[in-house]
Amino acid sequence: MSVNWSRFAEVISQHQRILLTSHIRPDCDALGSELGMAGILESLGKQVVIVNGQATPPNLAFIDPDRKIRALHEDVQPDELQDID
């Protein structure tokens, strides 16, 4: 199946600061998707913040050794929101 990325690319090109989030109780797939997308966006010169509804569970902390993923209560000010999973 072919994916048309033009709308996504258009939205991303219009914003500098981007917040990524995922579903409640994120699993490794969700966390990995957030971190992967953050890496892509950062390589495009974007400022990316990853915020989830709760802190990363201790048993999944290994996937985010740099602790880029924040919990919702922390201060964030995005220009755009994209849900990743």
PDB file of N, CA and C in Angstrom:
ATOM      1  N   MET A   1       0.833  -1.173   0.000  1.00  0.00           N
ATOM      2  CA  MET A   1       0.000   0.000   0.000  1.00  0.00           C
ATOM      3  C   MET A   1       0.886   1.249   0.000  1.00  0.00           C
ATOM      4  N   SER A   2       0.571   2.172  -0.863  1.00  0.00           N
ATOM      5  CA  SER A   2       1.323   3.415  -0.971  1.00  0.00           C
ATOM      6  C   SER A   2       0.792   4.459   0.017  1.00  0.00           C
ATOM      7  N   VAL A   3       1.699   5.185   0.619  1.00  0.00           N
ATOM      8  CA  VAL A   3       1.325   6.232   1.572  1.00  0.00           C
ATOM      9  C   VAL A   3       1.641   7.589   0.951  1.00  0.00           C
ATOM     10  N   ASN A   4       0.675   8.490   0.988  1.00  0.00           N
ATOM     11  CA  ASN A   4       0.881   9.845   0.493  1.00  0.00           C
ATOM     12  C   ASN A   4       1.310  10.728   1.672  1.00  0.00           C
ATOM     13  N   TRP A   5       2.554  11.118   1.687  1.00  0.00           N
ATOM     14  CA  TRP A   5       3.114  11.884   2.794  1.00  0.00           C
ATOM     15  C   TRP A   5       3.025  13.391   2.568  1.00  0.00           C
ATOM     16  N   SER A   6       2.398  13.839   1.495  1.00  0.00           N
ATOM     17  CA  SER A   6       2.423  15.263   1.155  1.00  0.00           C
ATOM     18  C   SER A   6       1.772  16.144   2.222  1.00  0.00           C
ATOM     19  N   ARG A   7       0.641  15.739   2.773  1.00  0.00           N
ATOM     20  CA  ARG A   7      -0.020  16.554   3.802  1.00  0.00           C
ATOM     21  C   ARG A   7       0.839  16.622   5.065  1.00  0.00           C
ATOM     22  N   PHE A   8       1.420  15.497   5.461  1.00  0.00           N
ATOM     23  CA  PHE A   8       2.301  15.474   6.628  1.00  0.00           C
ATOM     24  C   PHE A   8       3.495  16.400   6.400  1.00  0.00           C
ATOM     25  N   ALA A   9       4.108  16.297   5.229  1.00  0.00           N
ATOM     26  CA  ALA A   9       5.261  17.141   4.906  1.00  0.00           C
ATOM     27  C   ALA A   9       4.880  18.617   4.911  1.00  0.00           C
ATOM     28  N   GLU A  10       3.686  18.925   4.424  1.00  0.00           N
ATOM     29  CA  GLU A  10       3.205  20.311   4.410  1.00  0.00           C
ATOM     30  C   GLU A  10       3.054  20.854   5.834  1.00  0.00           C
ATOM     31  N   VAL A  11       2.427  20.074   6.702  1.00  0.00           N
ATOM     32  CA  VAL A  11       2.228  20.501   8.091  1.00  0.00           C
ATOM     33  C   VAL A  11       3.576  20.690   8.785  1.00  0.00           C
ATOM     34  N   ILE A  12       4.463  19.744   8.617  1.00  0.00           N
ATOM     35  CA  ILE A  12       5.778  19.809   9.261  1.00  0.00           C
ATOM     36  C   ILE A  12       6.579  21.009   8.755  1.00  0.00           C
ATOM     37  N   SER A  13       6.490  21.299   7.468  1.00  0.00           N
ATOM     38  CA  SER A  13       7.261  22.418   6.915  1.00  0.00           C
ATOM     39  C   SER A  13       6.789  23.766   7.447  1.00  0.00           C
ATOM     40  N   GLN A  14       5.568  23.834   7.936  1.00  0.00           N
ATOM     41  CA  GLN A  14       4.998  25.096   8.411  1.00  0.00           C
ATOM     42  C   GLN A  14       5.292  25.381   9.886  1.00  0.00           C
ATOM     43  N   HIS A  15       5.919  24.448  10.583  1.00  0.00           N
ATOM     44  CA  HIS A  15       6.133  24.604  12.017  1.00  0.00           C
ATOM     45  C   HIS A  15       7.568  24.268  12.399  1.00  0.00           C
ATOM     46  N   GLN A  16       8.056  24.954  13.429  1.00  0.00           N
ATOM     47  CA  GLN A  16       9.412  24.724  13.913  1.00  0.00           C
ATOM     48  C   GLN A  16       9.433  23.874  15.180  1.00  0.00           C
ATOM     49  N   ARG A  17       8.508  24.143  16.105  1.00  0.00           N
ATOM     50  CA  ARG A  17       8.452  23.407  17.377  1.00  0.00           C
ATOM     51  C   ARG A  17       7.315  22.396  17.303  1.00  0.00           C
ATOM     52  N   ILE A  18       7.641  21.128  17.508  1.00  0.00           N
ATOM     53  CA  ILE A  18       6.667  20.053  17.335  1.00  0.00           C
ATOM     54  C   ILE A  18       6.631  19.177  18.580  1.00  0.00           C
ATOM     55  N   LEU A  19       5.422  18.859  19.020  1.00  0.00           N
ATOM     56  CA  LEU A  19       5.220  17.960  20.145  1.00  0.00           C
ATOM     57  C   LEU A  19       4.707  16.628  19.616  1.00  0.00           C
ATOM     58  N   LEU A  20       5.346  15.548  20.033  1.00  0.00           N
ATOM     59  CA  LEU A  20       4.890  14.203  19.694  1.00  0.00           C
ATOM     60  C   LEU A  20       4.319  13.555  20.947  1.00  0.00           C
ATOM     61  N   THR A  21       3.279  12.759  20.776  1.00  0.00           N
ATOM     62  CA  THR A  21       2.704  12.028  21.900  1.00  0.00           C
ATOM     63  C   THR A  21       2.184  10.691  21.403  1.00  0.00           C
ATOM     64  N   SER A  22       1.794   9.852  22.325  1.00  0.00           N
ATOM     65  CA  SER A  22       1.272   8.541  21.970  1.00  0.00           C
ATOM     66  C   SER A  22       0.120   8.189  22.898  1.00  0.00           C
ATOM     67  N   HIS A  23      -0.311   6.954  22.834  1.00  0.00           N
ATOM     68  CA  HIS A  23      -1.465   6.512  23.608  1.00  0.00           C
ATOM     69  C   HIS A  23      -1.132   6.310  25.089  1.00  0.00           C
ATOM     70  N   ILE A  24      -2.171   6.150  25.888  1.00  0.00           N
ATOM     71  CA  ILE A  24      -2.018   5.893  27.322  1.00  0.00           C
ATOM     72  C   ILE A  24      -1.299   4.565  27.524  1.00  0.00           C
ATOM     73  N   ARG A  25      -0.455   4.494  28.549  1.00  0.00           N
ATOM     74  CA  ARG A  25       0.359   3.313  28.841  1.00  0.00           C
ATOM     75  C   ARG A  25       1.130   2.860  27.585  1.00  0.00           C
ATOM     76  N   PRO A  26       1.996   3.719  27.056  1.00  0.00           N
ATOM     77  CA  PRO A  26       2.706   3.379  25.826  1.00  0.00           C
ATOM     78  C   PRO A  26       3.600   2.150  25.983  1.00  0.00           C
ATOM     79  N   ASP A  27       3.637   1.360  24.925  1.00  0.00           N
ATOM     80  CA  ASP A  27       4.501   0.185  24.880  1.00  0.00           C
ATOM     81  C   ASP A  27       5.785   0.542  24.132  1.00  0.00           C
ATOM     82  N   CYS A  28       6.668  -0.446  23.969  1.00  0.00           N
ATOM     83  CA  CYS A  28       7.941  -0.191  23.284  1.00  0.00           C
ATOM     84  C   CYS A  28       7.734   0.313  21.862  1.00  0.00           C
ATOM     85  N   ASP A  29       6.708  -0.187  21.188  1.00  0.00           N
ATOM     86  CA  ASP A  29       6.417   0.249  19.825  1.00  0.00           C
ATOM     87  C   ASP A  29       6.084   1.737  19.792  1.00  0.00           C
ATOM     88  N   ALA A  30       5.254   2.180  20.714  1.00  0.00           N
ATOM     89  CA  ALA A  30       4.870   3.595  20.762  1.00  0.00           C
ATOM     90  C   ALA A  30       6.068   4.474  21.111  1.00  0.00           C
ATOM     91  N   LEU A  31       6.830   4.073  22.117  1.00  0.00           N
ATOM     92  CA  LEU A  31       7.998   4.852  22.526  1.00  0.00           C
ATOM     93  C   LEU A  31       9.034   4.906  21.406  1.00  0.00           C
ATOM     94  N   GLY A  32       9.261   3.775  20.760  1.00  0.00           N
ATOM     95  CA  GLY A  32      10.205   3.726  19.646  1.00  0.00           C
ATOM     96  C   GLY A  32       9.753   4.583  18.479  1.00  0.00           C
ATOM     97  N   SER A  33       8.448   4.591  18.213  1.00  0.00           N
ATOM     98  CA  SER A  33       7.902   5.427  17.140  1.00  0.00           C
ATOM     99  C   SER A  33       8.118   6.904  17.440  1.00  0.00           C
ATOM    100  N   GLU A  34       7.868   7.283  18.679  1.00  0.00           N
ATOM    101  CA  GLU A  34       8.076   8.681  19.069  1.00  0.00           C
ATOM    102  C   GLU A  34       9.543   9.079  18.912  1.00  0.00           C
ATOM    103  N   LEU A  35      10.433   8.251  19.429  1.00  0.00           N
ATOM    104  CA  LEU A  35      11.858   8.565  19.364  1.00  0.00           C
ATOM    105  C   LEU A  35      12.366   8.563  17.927  1.00  0.00           C
ATOM    106  N   GLY A  36      11.880   7.626  17.116  1.00  0.00           N
ATOM    107  CA  GLY A  36      12.273   7.575  15.709  1.00  0.00           C
ATOM    108  C   GLY A  36      11.809   8.800  14.943  1.00  0.00           C
ATOM    109  N   MET A  37      10.545   9.185  15.134  1.00  0.00           N
ATOM    110  CA  MET A  37      10.023  10.368  14.456  1.00  0.00           C
ATOM    111  C   MET A  37      10.737  11.621  14.949  1.00  0.00           C
ATOM    112  N   ALA A  38      11.027  11.681  16.236  1.00  0.00           N
ATOM    113  CA  ALA A  38      11.765  12.830  16.773  1.00  0.00           C
ATOM    114  C   ALA A  38      13.125  12.955  16.088  1.00  0.00           C
ATOM    115  N   GLY A  39      13.805  11.836  15.903  1.00  0.00           N
ATOM    116  CA  GLY A  39      15.101  11.855  15.233  1.00  0.00           C
ATOM    117  C   GLY A  39      15.009  12.366  13.807  1.00  0.00           C
ATOM    118  N   ILE A  40      13.984  11.935  13.091  1.00  0.00           N
ATOM    119  CA  ILE A  40      13.778  12.401  11.714  1.00  0.00           C
ATOM    120  C   ILE A  40      13.520  13.905  11.699  1.00  0.00           C
ATOM    121  N   LEU A  41      12.611  14.349  12.560  1.00  0.00           N
ATOM    122  CA  LEU A  41      12.267  15.775  12.594  1.00  0.00           C
ATOM    123  C   LEU A  41      13.452  16.635  13.024  1.00  0.00           C
ATOM    124  N   GLU A  42      14.225  16.157  13.988  1.00  0.00           N
ATOM    125  CA  GLU A  42      15.413  16.894  14.422  1.00  0.00           C
ATOM    126  C   GLU A  42      16.437  16.988  13.293  1.00  0.00           C
ATOM    127  N   SER A  43      16.537  15.949  12.473  1.00  0.00           N
ATOM    128  CA  SER A  43      17.463  15.995  11.342  1.00  0.00           C
ATOM    129  C   SER A  43      17.024  17.025  10.300  1.00  0.00           C
ATOM    130  N   LEU A  44      15.746  17.416  10.355  1.00  0.00           N
ATOM    131  CA  LEU A  44      15.213  18.466   9.478  1.00  0.00           C
ATOM    132  C   LEU A  44      15.306  19.846  10.132  1.00  0.00           C
ATOM    133  N   GLY A  45      15.951  19.898  11.297  1.00  0.00           N
ATOM    134  CA  GLY A  45      16.139  21.165  11.988  1.00  0.00           C
ATOM    135  C   GLY A  45      14.983  21.586  12.881  1.00  0.00           C
ATOM    136  N   LYS A  46      14.061  20.676  13.151  1.00  0.00           N
ATOM    137  CA  LYS A  46      12.904  20.992  13.994  1.00  0.00           C
ATOM    138  C   LYS A  46      13.258  20.833  15.467  1.00  0.00           C
ATOM    139  N   GLN A  47      12.564  21.592  16.314  1.00  0.00           N
ATOM    140  CA  GLN A  47      12.673  21.436  17.762  1.00  0.00           C
ATOM    141  C   GLN A  47      11.543  20.511  18.186  1.00  0.00           C
ATOM    142  N   VAL A  48      11.883  19.373  18.751  1.00  0.00           N
ATOM    143  CA  VAL A  48      10.891  18.344  19.053  1.00  0.00           C
ATOM    144  C   VAL A  48      10.840  18.075  20.553  1.00  0.00           C
ATOM    145  N   VAL A  49       9.621  17.957  21.063  1.00  0.00           N
ATOM    146  CA  VAL A  49       9.383  17.563  22.443  1.00  0.00           C
ATOM    147  C   VAL A  49       8.464  16.349  22.401  1.00  0.00           C
ATOM    148  N   ILE A  50       8.793  15.328  23.180  1.00  0.00           N
ATOM    149  CA  ILE A  50       7.943  14.139  23.294  1.00  0.00           C
ATOM    150  C   ILE A  50       7.297  14.173  24.669  1.00  0.00           C
ATOM    151  N   VAL A  51       5.972  14.134  24.698  1.00  0.00           N
ATOM    152  CA  VAL A  51       5.231  14.191  25.957  1.00  0.00           C
ATOM    153  C   VAL A  51       4.155  13.119  25.948  1.00  0.00           C
ATOM    154  N   ASN A  52       4.145  12.304  26.984  1.00  0.00           N
ATOM    155  CA  ASN A  52       3.098  11.296  27.153  1.00  0.00           C
ATOM    156  C   ASN A  52       2.296  11.604  28.412  1.00  0.00           C
ATOM    157  N   GLY A  53       1.150  10.989  28.523  1.00  0.00           N
ATOM    158  CA  GLY A  53       0.254  11.232  29.643  1.00  0.00           C
ATOM    159  C   GLY A  53       0.811  10.822  30.988  1.00  0.00           C
ATOM    160  N   GLN A  54       1.791   9.957  30.972  1.00  0.00           N
ATOM    161  CA  GLN A  54       2.420   9.519  32.215  1.00  0.00           C
ATOM    162  C   GLN A  54       3.893   9.227  31.955  1.00  0.00           C
ATOM    163  N   ALA A  55       4.665   9.142  33.000  1.00  0.00           N
ATOM    164  CA  ALA A  55       6.094   8.871  32.868  1.00  0.00           C
ATOM    165  C   ALA A  55       6.322   7.503  32.227  1.00  0.00           C
ATOM    166  N   THR A  56       7.448   7.364  31.541  1.00  0.00           N
ATOM    167  CA  THR A  56       7.822   6.073  30.965  1.00  0.00           C
ATOM    168  C   THR A  56       8.014   5.069  32.098  1.00  0.00           C
ATOM    169  N   PRO A  57       7.386   3.892  31.995  1.00  0.00           N
ATOM    170  CA  PRO A  57       7.540   2.883  33.051  1.00  0.00           C
ATOM    171  C   PRO A  57       9.008   2.469  33.198  1.00  0.00           C
ATOM    172  N   PRO A  58       9.443   2.186  34.410  1.00  0.00           N
ATOM    173  CA  PRO A  58      10.841   1.806  34.645  1.00  0.00           C
ATOM    174  C   PRO A  58      11.308   0.633  33.779  1.00  0.00           C
ATOM    175  N   ASN A  59      10.419  -0.332  33.524  1.00  0.00           N
ATOM    176  CA  ASN A  59      10.827  -1.495  32.728  1.00  0.00           C
ATOM    177  C   ASN A  59      11.033  -1.160  31.250  1.00  0.00           C
ATOM    178  N   LEU A  60      10.624   0.037  30.809  1.00  0.00           N
ATOM    179  CA  LEU A  60      10.824   0.453  29.416  1.00  0.00           C
ATOM    180  C   LEU A  60      11.811   1.615  29.295  1.00  0.00           C
ATOM    181  N   ALA A  61      12.393   2.025  30.403  1.00  0.00           N
ATOM    182  CA  ALA A  61      13.302   3.178  30.400  1.00  0.00           C
ATOM    183  C   ALA A  61      14.515   2.963  29.499  1.00  0.00           C
ATOM    184  N   PHE A  62      14.895   1.715  29.261  1.00  0.00           N
ATOM    185  CA  PHE A  62      16.063   1.418  28.429  1.00  0.00           C
ATOM    186  C   PHE A  62      15.916   1.952  27.011  1.00  0.00           C
ATOM    187  N   ILE A  63      14.687   2.092  26.531  1.00  0.00           N
ATOM    188  CA  ILE A  63      14.469   2.541  25.155  1.00  0.00           C
ATOM    189  C   ILE A  63      14.741   4.040  25.000  1.00  0.00           C
ATOM    190  N   ASP A  64      14.799   4.759  26.118  1.00  0.00           N
ATOM    191  CA  ASP A  64      15.013   6.210  26.108  1.00  0.00           C
ATOM    192  C   ASP A  64      16.152   6.583  27.063  1.00  0.00           C
ATOM    193  N   PRO A  65      17.380   6.143  26.758  1.00  0.00           N
ATOM    194  CA  PRO A  65      18.490   6.381  27.687  1.00  0.00           C
ATOM    195  C   PRO A  65      18.804   7.867  27.891  1.00  0.00           C
ATOM    196  N   ASP A  66      18.463   8.706  26.924  1.00  0.00           N
ATOM    197  CA  ASP A  66      18.714  10.145  27.051  1.00  0.00           C
ATOM    198  C   ASP A  66      17.554  10.884  27.713  1.00  0.00           C
ATOM    199  N   ARG A  67      16.518  10.142  28.074  1.00  0.00           N
ATOM    200  CA  ARG A  67      15.335  10.687  28.758  1.00  0.00           C
ATOM    201  C   ARG A  67      14.716  11.859  28.000  1.00  0.00           C
ATOM    202  N   LYS A  68      14.488  11.644  26.705  1.00  0.00           N
ATOM    203  CA  LYS A  68      13.850  12.662  25.873  1.00  0.00           C
ATOM    204  C   LYS A  68      12.341  12.705  26.093  1.00  0.00           C
ATOM    205  N   ILE A  69      11.768  11.595  26.531  1.00  0.00           N
ATOM    206  CA  ILE A  69      10.318  11.505  26.700  1.00  0.00           C
ATOM    207  C   ILE A  69       9.929  12.093  28.051  1.00  0.00           C
ATOM    208  N   ARG A  70       9.039  13.074  28.014  1.00  0.00           N
ATOM    209  CA  ARG A  70       8.582  13.748  29.230  1.00  0.00           C
ATOM    210  C   ARG A  70       7.173  13.287  29.597  1.00  0.00           C
ATOM    211  N   ALA A  71       6.808  13.540  30.841  1.00  0.00           N
ATOM    212  CA  ALA A  71       5.435  13.287  31.292  1.00  0.00           C
ATOM    213  C   ALA A  71       4.619  14.562  31.093  1.00  0.00           C
ATOM    214  N   LEU A  72       3.323  14.424  30.974  1.00  0.00           N
ATOM    215  CA  LEU A  72       2.424  15.521  30.629  1.00  0.00           C
ATOM    216  C   LEU A  72       2.543  16.729  31.542  1.00  0.00           C
ATOM    217  N   HIS A  73       2.832  16.532  32.794  1.00  0.00           N
ATOM    218  CA  HIS A  73       2.873  17.643  33.738  1.00  0.00           C
ATOM    219  C   HIS A  73       4.039  18.603  33.522  1.00  0.00           C
ATOM    220  N   GLU A  74       5.018  18.215  32.713  1.00  0.00           N
ATOM    221  CA  GLU A  74       6.172  19.073  32.477  1.00  0.00           C
ATOM    222  C   GLU A  74       5.823  20.183  31.479  1.00  0.00           C
ATOM    223  N   ASP A  75       6.524  21.299  31.538  1.00  0.00           N
ATOM    224  CA  ASP A  75       6.258  22.464  30.707  1.00  0.00           C
ATOM    225  C   ASP A  75       6.600  22.198  29.240  1.00  0.00           C
ATOM    226  N   VAL A  76       5.603  22.349  28.355  1.00  0.00           N
ATOM    227  CA  VAL A  76       5.810  22.203  26.917  1.00  0.00           C
ATOM    228  C   VAL A  76       5.009  23.280  26.188  1.00  0.00           C
ATOM    229  N   GLN A  77       5.537  23.749  25.036  1.00  0.00           N
ATOM    230  CA  GLN A  77       4.865  24.760  24.236  1.00  0.00           C
ATOM    231  C   GLN A  77       5.052  24.435  22.761  1.00  0.00           C
ATOM    232  N   PRO A  78       4.283  23.497  22.214  1.00  0.00           N
ATOM    233  CA  PRO A  78       4.453  23.098  20.821  1.00  0.00           C
ATOM    234  C   PRO A  78       3.745  24.043  19.845  1.00  0.00           C
ATOM    235  N   ASP A  79       4.196  24.037  18.602  1.00  0.00           N
ATOM    236  CA  ASP A  79       3.488  24.690  17.507  1.00  0.00           C
ATOM    237  C   ASP A  79       2.530  23.712  16.832  1.00  0.00           C
ATOM    238  N   GLU A  80       2.853  22.431  16.896  1.00  0.00           N
ATOM    239  CA  GLU A  80       2.071  21.407  16.189  1.00  0.00           C
ATOM    240  C   GLU A  80       2.066  20.132  16.998  1.00  0.00           C
ATOM    241  N   LEU A  81       0.978  19.379  16.915  1.00  0.00           N
ATOM    242  CA  LEU A  81       0.820  18.100  17.600  1.00  0.00           C
ATOM    243  C   LEU A  81       0.659  16.986  16.577  1.00  0.00           C
ATOM    244  N   GLN A  82       1.413  15.892  16.697  1.00  0.00           N
ATOM    245  CA  GLN A  82       1.270  14.721  15.834  1.00  0.00           C
ATOM    246  C   GLN A  82       1.255  13.479  16.707  1.00  0.00           C
ATOM    247  N   ASP A  83       0.235  12.641  16.571  1.00  0.00           N
ATOM    248  CA  ASP A  83       0.129  11.400  17.339  1.00  0.00           C
ATOM    249  C   ASP A  83       0.858  10.302  16.578  1.00  0.00           C
ATOM    250  N   ILE A  84       1.772   9.627  17.231  1.00  0.00           N
ATOM    251  CA  ILE A  84       2.619   8.622  16.587  1.00  0.00           C
ATOM    252  C   ILE A  84       2.404   7.255  17.209  1.00  0.00           C
ATOM    253  N   ASP A  85       2.113   6.243  16.379  1.00  0.00           N
ATOM    254  CA  ASP A  85       2.095   4.844  16.807  1.00  0.00           C
ATOM    255  C   ASP A  85       1.871   3.961  15.608  1.00  0.00           C
TER     256      ASP A  85
END
